[in-house]
């Protein structure tokens, strides 16, 4: 099997079927000595990660000032990147 210029390989169909890997499945990669190990990520593990991320985001949101909570996504990104538009919008109290 050959690795493409993008580092991609095709997992043979019989191995995908045996491992339960279907389109949309997530897999993780690890090294075992000099071997590359590909392991399917169980959906409950993926969902647990998403839940932890949602919980962390909720904790962060709860600490924000009311002015900052009114900002839109682009204004928040501008603020985080050091743009002046977000701080001006926040001081005017508009999203």
Protein backbone atom coordinates (compact mmCIF):
# COMPACT_ATOMS: atom_id res chain seq x y z
CA UNK A 1 0.00 0.00 0.00
CA UNK A 2 1.32 3.41 -0.89
CA UNK A 3 0.96 6.61 1.15
CA UNK A 4 -0.26 9.60 -0.89
CA UNK A 5 1.45 13.00 -0.95
CA UNK A 6 -1.13 14.13 1.62
CA UNK A 7 -0.22 11.23 3.93
CA UNK A 8 -3.41 9.33 3.13
CA UNK A 9 -3.91 5.58 2.82
CA UNK A 10 -7.00 3.51 2.16
CA UNK A 11 -7.91 1.00 4.85
CA UNK A 12 -8.74 -2.25 3.05
CA UNK A 13 -12.46 -3.07 3.03
CA UNK A 14 -12.15 -6.37 4.94
CA UNK A 15 -10.18 -4.65 7.73
CA UNK A 16 -12.68 -1.74 7.90
CA UNK A 17 -15.56 -4.22 8.12
CA UNK A 18 -13.87 -6.31 10.84
CA UNK A 19 -13.10 -3.18 12.89
CA UNK A 20 -16.54 -1.63 12.37
CA UNK A 21 -15.11 1.43 10.64
CA UNK A 22 -17.70 3.00 8.35
CA UNK A 23 -17.82 6.36 6.54
CA UNK A 24 -17.94 9.09 9.19
CA UNK A 25 -16.21 6.95 11.83
CA UNK A 26 -13.49 8.55 13.90
CA UNK A 27 -10.19 6.80 14.43
CA UNK A 28 -7.15 7.57 16.57
CA UNK A 29 -3.52 6.97 15.71
CA UNK A 30 -0.77 5.87 18.08
CA UNK A 31 2.73 4.45 17.91
CA UNK A 32 3.64 1.05 19.33
CA UNK A 33 7.39 0.84 18.93
CA UNK A 34 7.84 1.37 15.20
CA UNK A 35 4.26 0.38 14.35
CA UNK A 36 1.41 2.77 13.59
CA UNK A 37 -1.79 1.62 15.27
CA UNK A 38 -5.18 2.82 14.02
CA UNK A 39 -8.01 2.39 16.54
CA UNK A 40 -11.71 3.18 16.05
CA UNK A 41 -12.95 5.77 18.55
CA UNK A 42 -16.15 4.58 20.18
CA UNK A 43 -19.13 6.93 19.78
CA UNK A 44 -19.54 7.18 23.57
CA UNK A 45 -15.94 8.44 23.83
CA UNK A 46 -16.64 11.04 21.12
CA UNK A 47 -19.86 12.09 22.86
CA UNK A 48 -18.05 12.33 26.22
CA UNK A 49 -15.50 14.68 24.66
CA UNK A 50 -18.27 16.83 23.23
CA UNK A 51 -20.04 16.94 26.59
CA UNK A 52 -16.83 17.99 28.36
CA UNK A 53 -16.29 20.71 25.76
CA UNK A 54 -19.89 21.96 26.15
CA UNK A 55 -19.51 21.99 29.94
CA UNK A 56 -16.23 23.92 29.70
CA UNK A 57 -17.79 26.44 27.31
CA UNK A 58 -20.74 26.90 29.68
CA UNK A 59 -18.34 27.58 32.58
CA UNK A 60 -16.51 30.20 30.51
CA UNK A 61 -19.77 31.83 29.36
CA UNK A 62 -20.97 32.11 32.95
CA UNK A 63 -17.91 34.21 33.84
CA UNK A 64 -18.36 36.76 31.04
CA UNK A 65 -19.58 40.25 31.71
CA UNK A 66 -23.04 41.13 30.31
CA UNK A 67 -21.44 43.45 27.75
CA UNK A 68 -19.19 40.69 26.45
CA UNK A 69 -22.07 38.16 26.30
CA UNK A 70 -23.87 40.43 23.84
CA UNK A 71 -21.05 40.23 21.29
CA UNK A 72 -21.51 38.15 18.18
CA UNK A 73 -19.11 35.38 17.15
CA UNK A 74 -17.15 37.59 14.74
CA UNK A 75 -16.82 40.36 17.32
CA UNK A 76 -15.51 37.86 19.86
CA UNK A 77 -12.96 36.56 17.35
CA UNK A 78 -11.90 40.14 16.55
CA UNK A 79 -11.56 40.84 20.27
CA UNK A 80 -9.46 37.72 20.83
CA UNK A 81 -7.25 38.62 17.88
CA UNK A 82 -6.79 42.15 19.16
CA UNK A 83 -9.19 43.95 16.81
CA UNK A 84 -10.64 47.30 17.88
CA UNK A 85 -14.16 46.69 16.51
CA UNK A 86 -15.18 44.29 19.29
CA UNK A 87 -14.18 46.60 22.11
CA UNK A 88 -15.95 49.52 20.47
CA UNK A 89 -19.11 47.45 20.01
CA UNK A 90 -18.95 46.24 23.59
CA UNK A 91 -18.63 49.77 24.93
CA UNK A 92 -21.71 50.78 22.90
CA UNK A 93 -23.56 47.76 24.30
CA UNK A 94 -24.53 46.32 20.93
CA UNK A 95 -23.89 42.87 19.48
